[in-house]
Amino acid sequence: MQRGAVSVAFVSIEKNHIGLAIRALARLSLMFYRTGISHYELKRSIVRDAVRNYRIQPAYRLDGIAKVLQWISQEWRDAFDWLVIT
């Protein structure tokens, strides 16, 4: 992929992100207008429900990531074992 194509793709991603953020703010504002509940409380309840549901039934397994992190931490311990005072 050429450099110009990468920057065009990045600009597209940025525009999508900004557009979705504005859309989310508009929906939260509409809910505030309808219910009287603040943006912060609405967002907190959405995130709380999402985390609760994920903990009940996870959509992704993170076993591979956990193994990588464990390997990295072992590598760091081996690299800096000379710092340990015994």
Foldseek 3Di string as FASTA:
>chain_A
DDPVVVVVVVVVVVVVVVVVVVVLVVVLVVVCVVPVDHSVVVVVVVVVVVVVVCVVPPPDDCPVVVVVVVVVVVVVCVVCVVVDDD
